[in-house]
Amino acid sequence: MDQVPIKVNVEKKMRIRYVAALVDTTQAEVVDRAVQEFAVRHADLIDQGIDRARSVLACGDTAVAAHLIARPLDHVQRVSGKASGATTDRA
């Protein structure tokens, strides 16, 4: 499987490296196990994130854009020329 670097600060990189050496595994395996454990322990947060994403997606492209750039929907609608009363951009 192809690997790509992830952005972490030097301190975190060293902790990952040390843990991998101590348990005789790869750094990638340490990160993978950590992500799996996080997902199990915080399934409720993941569910909330999925619900938020569904809510934003259901409101159309302009709402998605507003969410991505962290701006109020009416600001994005004004710039995009969409009517402020519209709830969706899709036909």
C-alpha atoms as a PDB file:
ATOM      1  CA  MET A   1       0.000   0.000   0.000  1.00  0.00           C
ATOM      2  CA  ASP A   2       1.276   3.465  -0.853  1.00  0.00           C
ATOM      3  CA  GLN A   3       2.169   5.723   2.059  1.00  0.00           C
ATOM      4  CA  VAL A   4       1.992   9.482   2.266  1.00  0.00           C
ATOM      5  CA  PRO A   5       3.284  11.720   5.035  1.00  0.00           C
ATOM      6  CA  ILE A   6       0.943  13.202   7.596  1.00  0.00           C
ATOM      7  CA  LYS A   7       1.533  16.628   9.102  1.00  0.00           C
ATOM      8  CA  VAL A   8       2.421  16.429  12.793  1.00  0.00           C
ATOM      9  CA  ASN A   9       4.795  18.498  14.852  1.00  0.00           C
ATOM     10  CA  VAL A  10       8.228  17.144  15.728  1.00  0.00           C
ATOM     11  CA  GLU A  11       7.211  16.238  19.282  1.00  0.00           C
ATOM     12  CA  LYS A  12       4.312  14.061  18.098  1.00  0.00           C
ATOM     13  CA  LYS A  13       6.509  12.477  15.423  1.00  0.00           C
ATOM     14  CA  MET A  14       9.045  11.497  18.079  1.00  0.00           C
ATOM     15  CA  ARG A  15       6.333  10.029  20.343  1.00  0.00           C
ATOM     16  CA  ILE A  16       5.049   7.940  17.445  1.00  0.00           C
ATOM     17  CA  ARG A  17       8.585   6.818  16.645  1.00  0.00           C
ATOM     18  CA  TYR A  18       9.309   5.855  20.276  1.00  0.00           C
ATOM     19  CA  VAL A  19       6.057   3.966  20.719  1.00  0.00           C
ATOM     20  CA  ALA A  20       6.656   2.070  17.477  1.00  0.00           C
ATOM     21  CA  ALA A  21      10.148   1.090  18.634  1.00  0.00           C
ATOM     22  CA  LEU A  22       8.919   0.039  22.075  1.00  0.00           C
ATOM     23  CA  VAL A  23       6.198  -2.239  20.715  1.00  0.00           C
ATOM     24  CA  ASP A  24       8.285  -3.418  17.754  1.00  0.00           C
ATOM     25  CA  THR A  25       6.001  -2.199  14.987  1.00  0.00           C
ATOM     26  CA  THR A  26       5.958   0.488  12.334  1.00  0.00           C
ATOM     27  CA  GLN A  27       5.006   4.116  12.853  1.00  0.00           C
ATOM     28  CA  ALA A  28       2.207   3.634  10.338  1.00  0.00           C
ATOM     29  CA  GLU A  29       0.823   0.763  12.425  1.00  0.00           C
ATOM     30  CA  VAL A  30       0.911   2.902  15.588  1.00  0.00           C
ATOM     31  CA  VAL A  31      -1.041   5.657  13.837  1.00  0.00           C
ATOM     32  CA  ASP A  32      -3.516   3.150  12.361  1.00  0.00           C
ATOM     33  CA  ARG A  33      -4.148   1.567  15.772  1.00  0.00           C
ATOM     34  CA  ALA A  34      -4.579   5.005  17.355  1.00  0.00           C
ATOM     35  CA  VAL A  35      -7.138   6.011  14.731  1.00  0.00           C
ATOM     36  CA  GLN A  36      -9.038   2.742  15.185  1.00  0.00           C
ATOM     37  CA  GLU A  37      -9.107   3.165  18.971  1.00  0.00           C
ATOM     38  CA  PHE A  38     -10.199   6.795  18.648  1.00  0.00           C
ATOM     39  CA  ALA A  39     -13.052   5.792  16.333  1.00  0.00           C
ATOM     40  CA  VAL A  40     -14.275   3.167  18.807  1.00  0.00           C
ATOM     41  CA  ARG A  41     -13.992   5.424  21.853  1.00  0.00           C
ATOM     42  CA  HIS A  42     -15.548   8.443  20.162  1.00  0.00           C
ATOM     43  CA  ALA A  43     -18.219   6.897  17.966  1.00  0.00           C
ATOM     44  CA  ASP A  44     -20.724   9.450  19.299  1.00  0.00           C
ATOM     45  CA  LEU A  45     -18.577  12.348  18.051  1.00  0.00           C
ATOM     46  CA  ILE A  46     -18.227  10.688  14.660  1.00  0.00           C
ATOM     47  CA  ASP A  47     -22.005  10.226  14.481  1.00  0.00           C
ATOM     48  CA  GLN A  48     -22.492  13.911  15.318  1.00  0.00           C
ATOM     49  CA  GLY A  49     -20.053  14.865  12.561  1.00  0.00           C
ATOM     50  CA  ILE A  50     -21.879  12.688  10.055  1.00  0.00           C
ATOM     51  CA  ASP A  51     -25.200  14.268  11.070  1.00  0.00           C
ATOM     52  CA  ARG A  52     -23.734  17.781  10.658  1.00  0.00           C
ATOM     53  CA  ALA A  53     -22.371  16.861   7.232  1.00  0.00           C
ATOM     54  CA  ARG A  54     -25.745  15.456   6.129  1.00  0.00           C
ATOM     55  CA  SER A  55     -27.480  18.598   7.344  1.00  0.00           C
ATOM     56  CA  VAL A  56     -25.122  20.890   5.436  1.00  0.00           C
ATOM     57  CA  LEU A  57     -25.251  18.758   2.285  1.00  0.00           C
ATOM     58  CA  ALA A  58     -29.049  18.730   2.370  1.00  0.00           C
ATOM     59  CA  CYS A  59     -29.082  22.535   2.177  1.00  0.00           C
ATOM     60  CA  GLY A  60     -27.364  22.680  -1.211  1.00  0.00           C
ATOM     61  CA  ASP A  61     -24.141  23.857  -2.753  1.00  0.00           C
ATOM     62  CA  THR A  62     -24.227  27.383  -1.351  1.00  0.00           C
ATOM     63  CA  ALA A  63     -24.629  26.056   2.195  1.00  0.00           C
ATOM     64  CA  VAL A  64     -21.725  23.668   1.636  1.00  0.00           C
ATOM     65  CA  ALA A  65     -19.562  26.554   0.420  1.00  0.00           C
ATOM     66  CA  ALA A  66     -20.539  28.671   3.435  1.00  0.00           C
ATOM     67  CA  HIS A  67     -19.686  25.824   5.782  1.00  0.00           C
ATOM     68  CA  LEU A  68     -16.320  25.177   4.140  1.00  0.00           C
ATOM     69  CA  ILE A  69     -15.225  28.810   4.346  1.00  0.00           C
ATOM     70  CA  ALA A  70     -16.819  29.359   7.773  1.00  0.00           C
ATOM     71  CA  ARG A  71     -19.032  32.235   6.627  1.00  0.00           C
ATOM     72  CA  PRO A  72     -22.745  32.832   7.226  1.00  0.00           C
ATOM     73  CA  LEU A  73     -24.967  31.434   4.503  1.00  0.00           C
ATOM     74  CA  ASP A  74     -26.474  34.840   3.676  1.00  0.00           C
ATOM     75  CA  HIS A  75     -23.000  36.250   2.980  1.00  0.00           C
ATOM     76  CA  VAL A  76     -22.259  33.497   0.483  1.00  0.00           C
ATOM     77  CA  GLN A  77     -25.709  33.812  -1.078  1.00  0.00           C
ATOM     78  CA  ARG A  78     -25.187  37.539  -1.547  1.00  0.00           C
ATOM     79  CA  VAL A  79     -21.833  36.999  -3.279  1.00  0.00           C
ATOM     80  CA  SER A  80     -23.105  34.087  -5.371  1.00  0.00           C
ATOM     81  CA  GLY A  81     -26.292  35.894  -6.402  1.00  0.00           C
ATOM     82  CA  LYS A  82     -28.551  33.263  -4.819  1.00  0.00           C
ATOM     83  CA  ALA A  83     -31.779  34.451  -3.195  1.00  0.00           C
ATOM     84  CA  SER A  84     -31.519  34.549   0.582  1.00  0.00           C
ATOM     85  CA  GLY A  85     -34.771  32.607   0.984  1.00  0.00           C
ATOM     86  CA  ALA A  86     -33.540  29.648  -1.072  1.00  0.00           C
ATOM     87  CA  THR A  87     -32.748  26.508   0.891  1.00  0.00           C
ATOM     88  CA  THR A  88     -31.164  24.523  -1.915  1.00  0.00           C
ATOM     89  CA  ASP A  89     -29.302  25.139  -5.116  1.00  0.00           C
ATOM     90  CA  ARG A  90     -30.227  21.876  -6.785  1.00  0.00           C
ATOM     91  CA  ALA A  91     -33.057  21.241  -9.183  1.00  0.00           C
END
